[in-house]
Amino acid sequence: MPQLQPYAHTYKPETCANPISPNVFCADPTSVEYEGRLYVFGTNDHQQYAAVGDEGKNTYEHIRSLVIFSTNDMRNWEYHGIIDVARIAPWIINAWAPSVISRVEDDGLTHFYLYFSNNGCGVGVLTATHPLGPWGDPLGRPLIYQNMPGLENCPSPFDPGACIDENGTGWLSFGGGSDENGVGVYSKVPKIVKLGKDLLSFDSPFVSITAPYFFEAGELNVIDGRFFYSYSSDWQPRTAWDRADLPAPPMCSMGYMTTQTPLDGESWSFRGGFFLNAGDSGMDWCNNHTHITEYCGRKYILHHTMHIQERMQTKGGFRCMCVDDLPYTAEGFPLAKATRQGVEQLRPLNPFVCHSGAEMCTCAQMGYEEISQGKTAVKSLVSGAWTFLSAVDWNQGAQSISVKVKGKGRIEIRADHMRAEPIVRLTVETEANAWATLTAELPPQLTGIHDLYFVFSEANICLQAWQAKGKDDQ
């Protein structure tokens, strides 16, 4: 059998946790935890890239869908495909910059509320009872729109930031653009409102937050009984900064403010910058949009950079979502920065439960095929394409591995190195779009923790799912 040569180049090294996806352009992350997994949603920059190509620019006008990823270890991420917002809510112009919250409602189900930017013109909301949908449009119209009463000083009422406080009450921030009536470096463009009990209406007037160097990308969190409002500062020079007790937030960094009385606009206190722009972190400059989340007792910051674009031929401004640790003390957030390395893996991957083929740490020359809403398969684009899973724990060993596949060729499974001798070779020979389940024995010496590669001999081989069988399983 001829030796299968893995494709040599990947946009994301196996040693790095960033970006979240090695092959999907996406940005403006938000997240929600459900049944032990962290689900991350973002702007689908890849939709723009598919429309304009390597020579085009990411001017966002083609983006009318959102992406979904999930993980339970912060290093291996499953790509769940897109939410086709334009199909669900045909009235939209675009769908950008989501913010998701969840709450158990009177029916006993967890309901998810996904707010999104309708271009720069307003905010829409989708709802579901699972992070993967199906999603619906409960209002059939925008929740917030330009020039609605109370928004006379909010040129771009977009970039929603939603949170649920400790009493189960919903809150929403939004807003972007310049304040024509601003005083010095201070803007009253950002807004906050208390949501109605249904989380689809309002239970207060819109209140302005006075934020220095405000630009866009606002978000709300409740941490230790305090409200945190974070936002992207603007690009202007910091020569007019008038406070001696705090340095000005660095250019296009994320700043934050706190209060315990969110509807008192004057109560919000600026606390400083807390997350640098990618350009100040040794990477390409880009806009800034972050989400603070806690998962498994650790605080993380989800953000975006242009990691993938830096390794490609395009310079169009296509972004990729990343995650880093976020230091936090009782005093607040010290200034942090983006990293290429990313975060540690929280736990080894368990091979004895079913995994999607679209779950990976990184890959080379792989695409995706949609199976159903929230479910995708990976698809090889060339001979030698591969996917990589980090730190798979085989424990005391396994009997066999089963894969659900289609296409023609073979899949080789390798441990620890892409050029290692295969531990399994699987011949794939299916008709048209028919899926087949193949099973092969695993070597007895495969015990403990190993990285895992799936290497594909030909283009157009799809892997939908895989699972190993333990030595003691019947």
Protein backbone atom coordinates (compact mmCIF):
# COMPACT_ATOMS: atom_id res chain seq x y z
CA MET A 1 0.00 0.00 0.00
CA PRO A 2 1.50 3.39 -0.99
CA GLN A 3 2.42 5.64 1.91
CA LEU A 4 -0.08 8.43 2.52
CA GLN A 5 1.63 11.82 2.89
CA PRO A 6 -0.22 14.26 5.16
CA TYR A 7 -0.69 17.79 3.89
CA ALA A 8 2.17 19.78 5.40
CA HIS A 9 0.62 23.21 5.99
CA THR A 10 -2.02 24.19 8.52
CA TYR A 11 -3.30 27.63 9.48
CA LYS A 12 -3.28 26.66 13.18
CA PRO A 13 -0.36 24.75 14.76
CA GLU A 14 -1.27 21.70 16.81
CA THR A 15 0.51 23.22 19.82
CA CYS A 16 -1.87 26.22 19.98
CA ALA A 17 -5.42 26.55 21.26
CA ASN A 18 -6.03 29.73 19.24
CA PRO A 19 -7.94 30.35 17.13
CA ILE A 20 -10.99 28.27 18.04
CA SER A 21 -11.47 27.24 14.40
CA PRO A 22 -8.58 26.61 11.99
CA ASN A 23 -10.69 27.05 8.86
CA VAL A 24 -13.79 29.18 9.54
CA PHE A 25 -13.55 32.97 9.59
CA CYS A 26 -15.74 34.23 12.45
CA ALA A 27 -15.83 37.06 14.98
CA ASP A 28 -17.68 38.93 17.75
CA PRO A 29 -18.06 35.92 20.08
CA THR A 30 -20.67 35.29 22.73
CA SER A 31 -21.31 32.13 24.75
CA VAL A 32 -23.67 30.15 26.94
CA GLU A 33 -23.15 26.98 28.96
CA TYR A 34 -25.62 24.12 28.63
CA GLU A 35 -25.45 20.56 29.96
CA GLY A 36 -21.73 20.82 30.63
CA ARG A 37 -20.71 22.23 27.25
CA LEU A 38 -19.77 25.78 26.36
CA TYR A 39 -21.51 26.97 23.18
CA VAL A 40 -19.92 29.90 21.34
CA PHE A 41 -21.77 31.93 18.71
CA GLY A 42 -20.23 34.51 16.38
CA THR A 43 -20.47 36.62 13.25
CA ASN A 44 -20.00 34.50 10.13
CA ASP A 45 -17.11 36.31 8.42
CA HIS A 46 -16.76 33.23 6.24
CA GLN A 47 -20.00 34.12 4.47
CA GLN A 48 -18.39 37.39 3.37
CA TYR A 49 -15.17 35.58 2.41
CA ALA A 50 -17.09 33.07 0.29
CA ALA A 51 -18.80 35.95 -1.54
CA VAL A 52 -15.75 38.14 -2.23
CA GLY A 53 -12.75 35.76 -2.21
CA ASP A 54 -9.09 36.32 -1.37
CA GLU A 55 -8.95 39.67 -3.13
CA GLY A 56 -12.12 41.00 -1.51
CA LYS A 57 -12.67 43.01 1.64
CA ASN A 58 -14.56 42.14 4.79
CA THR A 59 -17.09 44.94 4.66
CA TYR A 60 -19.73 42.67 6.24
CA GLU A 61 -22.58 43.32 3.79
CA HIS A 62 -22.93 39.65 2.78
CA ILE A 63 -23.10 38.36 6.37
CA ARG A 64 -26.62 37.20 7.21
CA SER A 65 -25.89 34.15 9.36
CA LEU A 66 -24.16 33.24 12.62
CA VAL A 67 -21.78 30.37 13.44
CA ILE A 68 -21.87 27.94 16.39
CA PHE A 69 -19.05 26.00 18.06
CA SER A 70 -19.00 24.02 21.31
CA THR A 71 -16.47 22.40 23.62
CA ASN A 72 -16.13 20.71 26.98
CA ASP A 73 -12.34 20.97 27.23
CA MET A 74 -11.51 24.42 25.68
CA ARG A 75 -9.14 22.91 23.11
CA ASN A 76 -11.17 20.54 20.95
CA TRP A 77 -14.11 22.39 19.38
CA GLU A 78 -17.06 21.02 17.44
CA TYR A 79 -18.30 23.11 14.52
CA HIS A 80 -22.10 22.97 14.43
CA GLY A 81 -22.55 25.00 11.25
CA ILE A 82 -24.62 28.15 10.93
CA ILE A 83 -27.84 29.75 12.07
CA ASP A 84 -29.38 31.03 8.84
CA VAL A 85 -30.81 34.22 10.30
CA ALA A 86 -31.94 35.53 6.89
CA ARG A 87 -34.17 32.48 6.44
CA ILE A 88 -35.57 32.64 9.98
CA ALA A 89 -36.09 36.42 9.96
CA PRO A 90 -36.37 37.57 6.32
CA TRP A 91 -36.77 41.22 7.37
CA ILE A 92 -33.11 41.56 8.41
CA ILE A 93 -30.44 43.49 6.53
CA ASN A 94 -27.54 41.64 8.14
CA ALA A 95 -26.78 39.50 11.19
CA TRP A 96 -23.68 40.41 13.18
CA ALA A 97 -22.31 40.44 16.73
CA PRO A 98 -24.66 38.16 18.71
CA SER A 99 -25.22 38.06 22.46
CA VAL A 100 -26.86 35.00 24.01
CA ILE A 101 -28.47 34.38 27.41
CA SER A 102 -30.51 31.52 28.84
CA ARG A 103 -33.08 31.06 31.59
CA VAL A 104 -35.25 28.23 32.86
CA GLU A 105 -38.84 29.31 32.22
CA ASP A 106 -42.20 28.28 33.71
CA ASP A 107 -42.48 25.30 31.36
CA GLY A 108 -39.39 23.79 33.00
CA LEU A 109 -37.31 24.16 29.84
CA THR A 110 -34.17 26.21 29.39
CA HIS A 111 -34.93 28.95 26.87
CA PHE A 112 -32.21 30.68 24.88
CA TYR A 113 -32.42 34.29 23.70
CA LEU A 114 -30.00 35.25 20.95
CA TYR A 115 -29.82 39.00 20.33
CA PHE A 116 -27.99 40.14 17.19
CA SER A 117 -27.08 43.30 15.29
CA ASN A 118 -29.28 44.02 12.28
CA ASN A 119 -26.50 45.77 10.39
CA GLY A 120 -25.90 49.02 12.29
CA CYS A 121 -29.62 49.76 12.28
CA GLY A 122 -30.88 47.90 15.30
CA VAL A 123 -31.16 44.67 17.26
CA GLY A 124 -33.17 41.51 16.57
CA VAL A 125 -33.73 38.46 18.75
CA LEU A 126 -34.12 34.74 18.07
CA THR A 127 -35.30 32.14 20.57
CA ALA A 128 -34.89 28.39 21.03
CA THR A 129 -35.01 25.69 23.69
CA HIS A 130 -31.59 24.30 22.74
CA PRO A 131 -28.38 26.11 21.74
CA LEU A 132 -28.47 24.32 18.39
CA GLY A 133 -32.07 25.25 17.68
CA PRO A 134 -34.37 25.14 15.96
CA TRP A 135 -34.38 28.93 16.26
CA GLY A 136 -37.44 31.11 15.76
CA ASP A 137 -38.21 34.79 15.31
CA PRO A 138 -40.74 35.54 18.08
CA LEU A 139 -41.26 39.22 17.23
CA GLY A 140 -41.16 39.15 13.43
CA ARG A 141 -39.50 42.58 13.56
CA PRO A 142 -36.56 44.34 15.24
CA LEU A 143 -36.53 44.70 19.01
CA ILE A 144 -34.57 47.95 18.65
CA TYR A 145 -34.37 50.21 15.60
CA GLN A 146 -32.85 53.54 14.62
CA ASN A 147 -34.65 56.68 15.80
CA MET A 148 -37.13 54.83 17.99
CA PRO A 149 -38.32 56.99 20.91
CA GLY A 150 -35.54 57.47 23.46
CA LEU A 151 -32.71 56.84 20.99
CA GLU A 152 -32.19 60.35 19.66
CA ASN A 153 -28.48 60.16 20.60
CA CYS A 154 -27.61 56.66 19.38
CA PRO A 155 -26.59 56.73 15.71
CA SER A 156 -26.00 52.96 15.48
CA PRO A 157 -28.20 51.05 17.97
CA PHE A 158 -26.40 47.75 17.44
CA ASP A 159 -23.90 45.45 19.25
CA PRO A 160 -26.26 44.04 21.88
CA GLY A 161 -24.88 42.87 25.21
CA ALA A 162 -27.35 40.81 27.26
CA CYS A 163 -27.16 39.40 30.76
CA ILE A 164 -29.37 37.87 33.44
CA ASP A 165 -28.82 39.18 36.97
CA GLU A 166 -28.91 37.18 40.19
CA ASN A 167 -32.69 37.71 40.46
CA GLY A 168 -33.41 36.34 36.98
CA THR A 169 -33.99 39.80 35.50
CA GLY A 170 -32.74 40.47 31.98
CA TRP A 171 -30.71 43.50 30.91
CA LEU A 172 -29.54 44.72 27.52
CA SER A 173 -26.89 47.21 26.46
CA PHE A 174 -26.35 48.42 22.90
CA GLY A 175 -25.12 51.33 20.81
CA GLY A 176 -22.26 52.50 18.64
CA GLY A 177 -20.96 55.53 16.80
CA SER A 178 -19.91 59.06 17.68
CA ASP A 179 -21.67 61.36 20.12
CA GLU A 180 -22.29 64.70 18.41
CA ASN A 181 -23.09 66.20 21.82
CA GLY A 182 -20.21 64.57 23.67
CA VAL A 183 -18.07 66.54 26.09
CA GLY A 184 -14.35 65.99 25.60
CA VAL A 185 -13.58 62.29 25.43
CA TYR A 186 -16.92 61.27 26.96
CA SER A 187 -19.83 59.77 25.04
CA LYS A 188 -23.44 59.17 26.04
CA VAL A 189 -24.14 56.96 23.02
CA PRO A 190 -24.08 53.59 24.87
CA LYS A 191 -27.46 52.59 26.26
CA ILE A 192 -28.77 50.15 28.84
CA VAL A 193 -32.34 48.99 29.39
CA LYS A 194 -34.08 46.59 31.74
CA LEU A 195 -35.81 43.86 29.79
CA GLY A 196 -39.39 42.79 30.37
CA LYS A 197 -40.18 39.46 31.99
CA ASP A 198 -40.47 37.87 28.54
CA LEU A 199 -36.96 39.16 27.62
CA LEU A 200 -38.56 40.40 24.39
CA SER A 201 -39.76 43.79 25.63
CA PHE A 202 -38.62 46.65 27.88
CA ASP A 203 -39.35 47.40 31.52
CA SER A 204 -37.51 50.72 31.79
CA PRO A 205 -36.56 53.75 29.71
CA PHE A 206 -33.31 53.66 27.76
CA VAL A 207 -30.52 55.03 29.97
CA SER A 208 -27.27 56.53 28.67
CA ILE A 209 -23.92 55.40 30.07
CA THR A 210 -21.21 58.08 30.00
CA ALA A 211 -18.19 56.20 28.65
CA PRO A 212 -14.76 57.63 27.76
CA TYR A 213 -13.44 57.04 24.23
CA PHE A 214 -16.50 54.92 23.46
CA PHE A 215 -16.70 53.28 20.03
CA GLU A 216 -18.75 50.03 19.91
CA ALA A 217 -18.89 46.36 21.03
CA GLY A 218 -20.60 46.83 24.40
CA GLU A 219 -21.38 43.89 26.67
CA LEU A 220 -22.94 43.35 30.09
CA ASN A 221 -21.95 40.94 32.86
CA VAL A 222 -22.95 40.54 36.48
CA ILE A 223 -19.97 39.46 38.60
CA ASP A 224 -19.97 39.28 42.40
CA GLY A 225 -23.13 41.36 42.61
CA ARG A 226 -21.84 44.18 40.41
CA PHE A 227 -22.77 45.08 36.86
CA PHE A 228 -19.83 45.23 34.46
CA TYR A 229 -20.19 47.10 31.18
CA SER A 230 -17.33 46.52 28.74
CA TYR A 231 -16.84 48.18 25.36
CA SER A 232 -14.32 48.85 22.62
CA SER A 233 -12.64 52.21 22.91
CA ASP A 234 -12.01 54.23 19.76
CA TRP A 235 -8.97 54.99 17.61
CA GLN A 236 -8.45 58.64 18.50
CA PRO A 237 -5.26 59.88 20.25
CA ARG A 238 -5.42 59.96 24.04
CA THR A 239 -4.10 63.53 24.35
CA ALA A 240 -7.31 64.87 25.94
CA TRP A 241 -7.44 62.37 28.82
CA ASP A 242 -8.28 64.32 31.98
CA ARG A 243 -7.90 61.85 34.85
CA ALA A 244 -4.81 61.53 37.01
CA ASP A 245 -5.99 58.46 38.93
CA LEU A 246 -6.27 56.16 35.89
CA PRO A 247 -4.38 55.85 32.61
CA ALA A 248 -6.41 56.29 29.44
CA PRO A 249 -7.51 53.02 27.84
CA PRO A 250 -5.06 52.06 25.06
CA MET A 251 -6.20 52.64 21.49
CA CYS A 252 -9.05 50.33 20.45
CA SER A 253 -8.66 48.32 23.63
CA MET A 254 -11.56 47.06 25.69
CA GLY A 255 -12.46 49.25 28.66
CA TYR A 256 -14.93 48.56 31.43
CA MET A 257 -17.22 50.30 33.89
CA THR A 258 -19.06 49.06 36.99
CA THR A 259 -22.11 49.91 39.07
CA GLN A 260 -24.67 48.37 41.41
CA THR A 261 -27.48 50.59 40.09
CA PRO A 262 -27.47 50.12 36.31
CA LEU A 263 -30.38 52.47 35.54
CA ASP A 264 -28.62 55.38 37.23
CA GLY A 265 -26.55 56.57 34.30
CA GLU A 266 -24.28 58.71 36.48
CA SER A 267 -23.46 55.79 38.77
CA TRP A 268 -21.33 53.97 36.22
CA SER A 269 -17.64 54.26 37.16
CA PHE A 270 -14.90 53.84 34.56
CA ARG A 271 -12.34 51.30 35.80
CA GLY A 272 -9.80 51.34 32.96
CA GLY A 273 -8.75 49.29 29.97
CA PHE A 274 -8.64 45.54 30.51
CA PHE A 275 -7.93 43.88 27.14
CA LEU A 276 -5.52 45.17 24.52
CA ASN A 277 -6.16 45.28 20.81
CA ALA A 278 -4.57 42.42 18.86
CA GLY A 279 -2.22 45.02 17.36
CA ASP A 280 -0.83 45.78 20.82
CA SER A 281 -0.49 42.03 21.42
CA GLY A 282 2.01 41.46 18.60
CA MET A 283 -0.56 40.59 15.92
CA ASP A 284 -2.31 42.38 13.08
CA TRP A 285 -4.50 45.30 14.12
CA CYS A 286 -8.25 44.79 13.87
CA ASN A 287 -11.39 45.97 15.57
CA ASN A 288 -12.10 44.64 19.07
CA HIS A 289 -15.10 42.73 20.38
CA THR A 290 -14.97 40.53 23.46
CA HIS A 291 -17.14 38.38 25.69
CA ILE A 292 -16.35 37.55 29.32
CA THR A 293 -17.44 34.07 30.35
CA GLU A 294 -16.94 31.64 33.20
CA TYR A 295 -16.66 27.93 32.54
CA CYS A 296 -15.62 25.18 34.93
CA GLY A 297 -14.75 27.77 37.57
CA ARG A 298 -12.39 29.77 35.34
CA LYS A 299 -12.85 33.17 33.75
CA TYR A 300 -12.11 33.44 30.05
CA ILE A 301 -12.22 36.18 27.48
CA LEU A 302 -13.54 35.29 24.05
CA HIS A 303 -12.30 37.69 21.39
CA HIS A 304 -11.17 37.81 17.78
CA THR A 305 -7.92 38.36 15.91
CA MET A 306 -6.74 37.77 12.36
CA HIS A 307 -4.58 34.70 13.11
CA ILE A 308 -5.78 32.72 10.09
CA GLN A 309 -5.59 35.64 7.67
CA GLU A 310 -1.98 36.24 8.73
CA ARG A 311 -1.14 32.76 7.38
CA MET A 312 -3.16 33.09 4.16
CA GLN A 313 -2.90 35.09 0.96
CA THR A 314 -5.78 37.40 1.83
CA LYS A 315 -5.54 40.78 3.55
CA GLY A 316 -9.26 41.51 3.46
CA GLY A 317 -9.81 41.81 7.21
CA PHE A 318 -11.30 38.37 7.88
CA ARG A 319 -11.33 37.54 11.57
CA CYS A 320 -11.19 34.41 13.73
CA MET A 321 -12.51 33.79 17.24
CA CYS A 322 -10.04 33.09 20.05
CA VAL A 323 -10.08 32.46 23.79
CA ASP A 324 -7.65 33.45 26.53
CA ASP A 325 -7.55 33.32 30.30
CA LEU A 326 -8.86 36.49 31.94
CA PRO A 327 -7.24 37.48 35.24
CA TYR A 328 -9.68 38.80 37.83
CA THR A 329 -9.39 39.95 41.45
CA ALA A 330 -11.68 41.73 43.88
CA GLU A 331 -10.26 44.95 42.45
CA GLY A 332 -11.40 44.07 38.94
CA PHE A 333 -9.63 43.18 35.72
CA PRO A 334 -5.95 44.01 35.18
CA LEU A 335 -4.86 44.78 31.61
CA ALA A 336 -4.52 41.55 29.60
CA LYS A 337 -3.65 40.73 26.00
CA ALA A 338 -4.42 38.26 23.24
CA THR A 339 -2.13 35.25 22.80
CA ARG A 340 -1.47 32.78 20.02
CA GLN A 341 -1.02 29.94 22.51
CA GLY A 342 -4.46 30.29 24.07
CA VAL A 343 -5.72 28.31 27.05
CA GLU A 344 -4.95 24.94 28.62
CA GLN A 345 -7.03 21.88 27.90
CA LEU A 346 -9.31 21.30 30.89
CA ARG A 347 -9.62 17.53 30.58
CA PRO A 348 -8.58 14.79 28.15
CA LEU A 349 -11.00 13.85 25.39
CA ASN A 350 -12.99 10.69 26.10
CA PRO A 351 -12.94 8.43 23.00
CA PHE A 352 -15.56 6.05 24.42
CA VAL A 353 -18.47 8.40 23.69
CA CYS A 354 -19.63 9.40 20.23
CA HIS A 355 -17.81 12.38 18.70
CA SER A 356 -18.65 14.42 15.63
CA GLY A 357 -16.12 14.33 12.82
CA ALA A 358 -16.36 18.13 12.96
CA GLU A 359 -14.83 18.18 16.45
CA MET A 360 -11.14 19.03 16.33
CA CYS A 361 -8.33 21.18 17.65
CA THR A 362 -7.00 21.89 14.17
CA CYS A 363 -6.87 20.50 10.63
CA ALA A 364 -5.42 20.93 7.17
CA GLN A 365 -7.39 21.15 3.93
CA MET A 366 -10.72 20.16 5.45
CA GLY A 367 -14.17 21.54 4.75
CA TYR A 368 -17.64 20.76 6.07
CA GLU A 369 -20.90 19.23 4.92
CA GLU A 370 -24.15 20.00 6.72
CA ILE A 371 -26.04 16.96 7.97
CA SER A 372 -28.89 18.78 9.72
CA GLN A 373 -29.40 21.90 11.83
CA GLY A 374 -26.51 21.98 14.32
CA LYS A 375 -24.82 18.87 12.92
CA THR A 376 -21.97 18.79 10.39
CA ALA A 377 -19.44 16.34 8.99
CA VAL A 378 -15.88 17.10 7.92
CA LYS A 379 -14.95 16.64 4.29
CA SER A 380 -11.46 16.26 2.86
CA LEU A 381 -10.56 18.76 0.14
CA VAL A 382 -7.32 17.14 -1.09
CA SER A 383 -5.31 13.96 -0.71
CA GLY A 384 -3.46 14.09 2.61
CA ALA A 385 -6.01 16.30 4.38
CA TRP A 386 -6.23 15.68 8.11
CA THR A 387 -7.92 16.56 11.40
CA PHE A 388 -6.21 16.65 14.80
CA LEU A 389 -7.64 15.96 18.25
CA SER A 390 -5.69 16.99 21.34
CA ALA A 391 -5.05 14.71 24.33
CA VAL A 392 -7.31 11.68 23.81
CA ASP A 393 -7.36 9.41 26.88
CA TRP A 394 -7.47 5.73 25.93
CA ASN A 395 -7.21 4.72 29.58
CA GLN A 396 -6.30 1.02 29.77
CA GLY A 397 -6.90 0.52 26.07
CA ALA A 398 -9.70 -0.08 23.58
CA GLN A 399 -11.03 -2.97 21.52
CA SER A 400 -12.00 -1.11 18.39
CA ILE A 401 -13.03 2.13 16.75
CA SER A 402 -16.09 2.74 14.57
CA VAL A 403 -16.48 5.58 12.08
CA LYS A 404 -19.47 6.82 10.08
CA VAL A 405 -18.18 7.82 6.65
CA LYS A 406 -18.90 8.24 2.97
CA GLY A 407 -16.76 8.64 -0.14
CA LYS A 408 -14.02 6.60 -1.77
CA GLY A 409 -10.49 6.11 -0.48
CA ARG A 410 -9.12 5.40 2.96
CA ILE A 411 -8.78 7.02 6.36
CA GLU A 412 -5.67 6.41 8.42
CA ILE A 413 -5.70 7.03 12.16
CA ARG A 414 -2.36 8.00 13.65
CA ALA A 415 -1.25 8.70 17.22
CA ASP A 416 0.94 11.59 18.43
CA HIS A 417 2.39 12.64 15.06
CA MET A 418 0.84 13.09 11.64
CA ARG A 419 3.65 11.08 10.02
CA ALA A 420 3.54 8.22 12.52
CA GLU A 421 2.75 4.69 11.39
CA PRO A 422 -1.05 4.31 11.23
CA ILE A 423 -2.68 2.46 14.10
CA VAL A 424 -5.76 1.89 11.90
CA ARG A 425 -6.45 1.90 8.15
CA LEU A 426 -10.06 2.06 7.02
CA THR A 427 -11.08 1.57 3.39
CA VAL A 428 -14.02 3.80 2.45
CA GLU A 429 -16.15 2.70 -0.52
CA THR A 430 -19.71 4.00 -0.45
CA GLU A 431 -22.24 4.69 -3.16
CA ALA A 432 -23.21 8.29 -3.93
CA ASN A 433 -24.41 9.95 -0.71
CA ALA A 434 -24.78 6.73 1.29
CA TRP A 435 -23.21 6.65 4.75
CA ALA A 436 -21.49 3.52 6.03
CA THR A 437 -20.26 2.54 9.49
CA LEU A 438 -16.82 0.89 9.49
CA THR A 439 -15.14 -0.78 12.46
CA ALA A 440 -11.49 -1.73 13.00
CA GLU A 441 -9.54 -3.23 15.87
CA LEU A 442 -7.17 -1.00 17.82
CA PRO A 443 -3.68 -2.11 18.90
CA PRO A 444 -3.41 -3.20 22.56
CA GLN A 445 -0.48 -0.85 23.17
CA LEU A 446 -2.73 2.20 22.63
CA THR A 447 -3.22 3.18 26.27
CA GLY A 448 -3.08 6.44 28.18
CA ILE A 449 -3.21 9.90 26.62
CA HIS A 450 -2.29 10.46 22.97
CA ASP A 451 -3.00 13.08 20.34
CA LEU A 452 -4.97 11.70 17.40
CA TYR A 453 -4.92 12.34 13.65
CA PHE A 454 -7.45 11.29 11.01
CA VAL A 455 -5.66 11.41 7.63
CA PHE A 456 -7.66 11.17 4.38
CA SER A 457 -6.23 9.60 1.21
CA GLU A 458 -8.49 11.38 -1.28
CA ALA A 459 -10.66 14.44 -1.63
CA ASN A 460 -14.40 14.19 -0.86
CA ILE A 461 -14.21 11.68 1.98
CA CYS A 462 -16.63 12.67 4.74
CA LEU A 463 -16.37 11.73 8.41
CA GLN A 464 -19.62 12.27 10.30
CA ALA A 465 -18.87 10.56 13.63
CA TRP A 466 -16.53 8.18 15.45
CA GLN A 467 -16.42 6.25 18.73
CA ALA A 468 -14.10 3.74 20.37
CA LYS A 469 -15.18 0.61 22.24
CA GLY A 470 -13.56 -0.06 25.61
CA LYS A 471 -11.86 -3.33 26.46
CA ASP A 472 -14.60 -4.25 28.90
CA ASP A 473 -17.52 -3.18 26.69
CA GLN A 474 -19.77 -5.91 25.34
